Amino acid sequence: MNDLPNSEAEKNAFEAMPRGDEISRQLRQMIELSGDFERRLGHTLGVGPTDLSAMQHLMVSGPLPPSELARRLLISTAAATMMVDRLENLGHASRHPHPDDRRKIVVTPARESVDRAAAELMPLIRGVAEVTARLSEEDAATVTRFLGDVLEVYRDVLGEEQ
């Protein structure tokens, strides 16, 4: 157990972080801006962070059972049911019979909500694609390798094997 008060322990932890490294500074800024963008998207759609995460899973994966949303979001099935109720009441999703198991349902994202989210995301996606297209093959390989290494650090910390 640490004998230091929380503020002193936190201070020591943050002192160990590289401050002058421009790459680390820009990565931190990118993470912050990504959070800002997600909050703006959630505000635009009128949903909180968990509901937005559920919508992202539905938009990427297509219809999912509420139990799968619960698993992916690390929430209880009861919380997932309430979340789906909220999304349905806001017109962002609907429940439908599972195509292979009549005892189950799947949650499907509403086309209008997907379109609205896509309209918000497209300027960012296009902008990053334009920046990427300007890279030489050598620079693109270096950036790809670097980002892969950073992703590996995230996965290691999260305990994921992907």
Protein backbone atom coordinates (compact mmCIF):
# COMPACT_ATOMS: atom_id res chain seq x y z
CA MET A 1 0.00 0.00 0.00
CA ASN A 2 1.27 3.51 -0.75
CA ASP A 3 2.00 5.67 2.29
CA LEU A 4 1.87 8.87 0.25
CA PRO A 5 -1.32 10.91 0.28
CA ASN A 6 -3.26 10.66 -2.98
CA SER A 7 -2.21 14.11 -4.13
CA GLU A 8 1.49 13.34 -3.53
CA ALA A 9 1.21 9.91 -5.21
CA GLU A 10 -0.55 11.47 -8.19
CA LYS A 11 2.06 14.23 -8.35
CA ASN A 12 4.85 11.64 -8.45
CA ALA A 13 3.04 9.64 -11.15
CA PHE A 14 2.53 12.70 -13.33
CA GLU A 15 6.15 13.79 -12.85
CA ALA A 16 7.20 10.50 -14.42
CA MET A 17 5.23 11.27 -17.58
CA PRO A 18 7.27 12.68 -20.45
CA ARG A 19 6.39 16.35 -20.74
CA GLY A 20 8.79 17.77 -23.31
CA ASP A 21 8.24 15.04 -25.87
CA GLU A 22 6.28 16.58 -28.75
CA ILE A 23 4.91 13.22 -29.86
CA SER A 24 3.55 12.48 -26.37
CA ARG A 25 2.07 15.97 -26.16
CA GLN A 26 0.30 15.58 -29.49
CA LEU A 27 -0.97 12.10 -28.60
CA ARG A 28 -2.44 13.48 -25.34
CA GLN A 29 -4.01 16.33 -27.29
CA MET A 30 -5.47 13.87 -29.84
CA ILE A 31 -7.00 11.81 -27.03
CA GLU A 32 -8.48 14.97 -25.48
CA LEU A 33 -9.85 16.17 -28.82
CA SER A 34 -11.31 12.74 -29.51
CA GLY A 35 -13.16 12.94 -26.18
CA ASP A 36 -14.33 16.46 -27.04
CA PHE A 37 -15.59 15.23 -30.42
CA GLU A 38 -17.47 12.31 -28.83
CA ARG A 39 -19.09 14.65 -26.29
CA ARG A 40 -20.16 16.97 -29.13
CA LEU A 41 -21.58 14.05 -31.10
CA GLY A 42 -23.45 12.85 -28.02
CA HIS A 43 -24.83 16.35 -27.48
CA THR A 44 -25.90 16.56 -31.14
CA LEU A 45 -27.73 13.25 -30.83
CA GLY A 46 -29.05 14.04 -27.36
CA VAL A 47 -27.45 11.02 -25.67
CA GLY A 48 -24.95 10.41 -22.89
CA PRO A 49 -21.63 8.56 -23.17
CA THR A 50 -22.96 5.03 -22.61
CA ASP A 51 -25.83 5.47 -25.05
CA LEU A 52 -23.42 6.93 -27.61
CA SER A 53 -21.11 3.94 -27.18
CA ALA A 54 -24.07 1.62 -27.73
CA MET A 55 -25.00 3.52 -30.88
CA GLN A 56 -21.40 3.24 -32.13
CA HIS A 57 -21.51 -0.54 -31.65
CA LEU A 58 -24.84 -0.74 -33.47
CA MET A 59 -23.62 1.43 -36.34
CA VAL A 60 -20.44 -0.60 -36.79
CA SER A 61 -21.77 -4.11 -36.11
CA GLY A 62 -25.40 -3.78 -37.13
CA PRO A 63 -28.29 -5.16 -35.07
CA LEU A 64 -27.25 -6.69 -31.74
CA PRO A 65 -29.11 -8.35 -28.88
CA PRO A 66 -29.30 -6.23 -25.72
CA SER A 67 -27.22 -8.87 -23.91
CA GLU A 68 -24.39 -8.35 -26.42
CA LEU A 69 -24.57 -4.58 -25.94
CA ALA A 70 -24.35 -5.18 -22.17
CA ARG A 71 -21.29 -7.37 -22.64
CA ARG A 72 -19.54 -4.90 -24.93
CA LEU A 73 -20.30 -1.91 -22.69
CA LEU A 74 -19.53 -3.76 -19.46
CA ILE A 75 -22.94 -2.99 -18.01
CA SER A 76 -25.64 -5.21 -16.53
CA THR A 77 -28.41 -6.58 -18.72
CA ALA A 78 -30.87 -4.51 -16.66
CA ALA A 79 -28.87 -1.35 -17.43
CA ALA A 80 -28.75 -2.37 -21.10
CA THR A 81 -32.55 -2.71 -21.14
CA MET A 82 -32.94 0.80 -19.72
CA MET A 83 -30.40 2.12 -22.22
CA VAL A 84 -32.26 0.52 -25.14
CA ASP A 85 -35.50 2.02 -23.78
CA ARG A 86 -33.86 5.47 -23.85
CA LEU A 87 -32.51 4.99 -27.37
CA GLU A 88 -35.89 3.76 -28.55
CA ASN A 89 -37.74 6.67 -26.91
CA LEU A 90 -35.36 9.13 -28.62
CA GLY A 91 -35.92 7.44 -31.98
CA HIS A 92 -32.29 6.26 -32.27
CA ALA A 93 -33.01 2.52 -32.23
CA SER A 94 -35.76 -0.04 -32.38
CA ARG A 95 -36.29 -3.59 -31.19
CA HIS A 96 -36.93 -6.37 -33.70
CA PRO A 97 -37.22 -10.15 -33.49
CA HIS A 98 -33.88 -11.94 -33.70
CA PRO A 99 -33.56 -13.43 -37.22
CA ASP A 100 -32.47 -16.86 -35.95
CA ASP A 101 -34.08 -17.15 -32.50
CA ARG A 102 -37.69 -16.03 -32.00
CA ARG A 103 -37.18 -15.90 -28.24
CA LYS A 104 -34.65 -13.08 -28.59
CA ILE A 105 -34.70 -9.54 -29.91
CA VAL A 106 -32.08 -7.41 -31.58
CA VAL A 107 -31.61 -3.67 -31.36
CA THR A 108 -31.33 -1.92 -34.72
CA PRO A 109 -30.02 1.63 -35.17
CA ALA A 110 -32.43 4.07 -36.79
CA ARG A 111 -31.36 5.06 -40.30
CA GLU A 112 -31.90 8.78 -39.52
CA SER A 113 -29.62 8.58 -36.47
CA VAL A 114 -26.94 6.76 -38.42
CA ASP A 115 -27.15 9.42 -41.14
CA ARG A 116 -26.95 12.22 -38.56
CA ALA A 117 -23.92 10.65 -36.88
CA ALA A 118 -22.29 10.07 -40.27
CA ALA A 119 -22.83 13.72 -41.22
CA GLU A 120 -20.97 14.74 -38.04
CA LEU A 121 -18.20 12.18 -38.57
CA MET A 122 -17.56 12.69 -42.30
CA PRO A 123 -15.64 15.99 -42.08
CA LEU A 124 -13.27 14.35 -39.60
CA ILE A 125 -12.95 11.17 -41.65
CA ARG A 126 -12.37 13.12 -44.87
CA GLY A 127 -9.83 15.40 -43.19
CA VAL A 128 -7.80 12.50 -41.79
CA ALA A 129 -7.98 10.73 -45.17
CA GLU A 130 -6.62 13.86 -46.89
CA VAL A 131 -3.74 14.11 -44.40
CA THR A 132 -3.00 10.40 -44.86
CA ALA A 133 -3.05 10.70 -48.66
CA ARG A 134 -0.31 13.36 -48.50
CA LEU A 135 2.12 10.97 -46.78
CA SER A 136 4.87 9.35 -48.78
CA GLU A 137 4.89 5.55 -48.73
CA GLU A 138 7.86 5.62 -46.35
CA ASP A 139 6.19 8.11 -44.01
CA ALA A 140 2.94 6.15 -44.12
CA ALA A 141 4.82 2.97 -43.16
CA THR A 142 6.51 4.78 -40.26
CA VAL A 143 3.25 6.27 -38.98
CA THR A 144 1.49 2.91 -39.35
CA ARG A 145 4.22 1.15 -37.40
CA PHE A 146 4.20 3.83 -34.68
CA LEU A 147 0.40 3.81 -34.31
CA GLY A 148 0.44 0.01 -34.21
CA ASP A 149 2.96 0.15 -31.35
CA VAL A 150 0.82 2.72 -29.49
CA LEU A 151 -2.28 0.54 -29.98
CA GLU A 152 -0.34 -2.41 -28.59
CA VAL A 153 0.44 -0.40 -25.44
CA TYR A 154 -3.27 0.38 -25.02
CA ARG A 155 -4.21 -3.27 -25.53
CA ASP A 156 -1.56 -4.43 -23.06
CA VAL A 157 -2.81 -1.99 -20.43
CA LEU A 158 -6.44 -3.01 -21.06
CA GLY A 159 -5.54 -6.69 -21.05
CA GLU A 160 -6.91 -7.31 -24.53
CA GLU A 161 -5.41 -9.66 -27.05
CA GLN A 162 -6.29 -8.32 -30.48
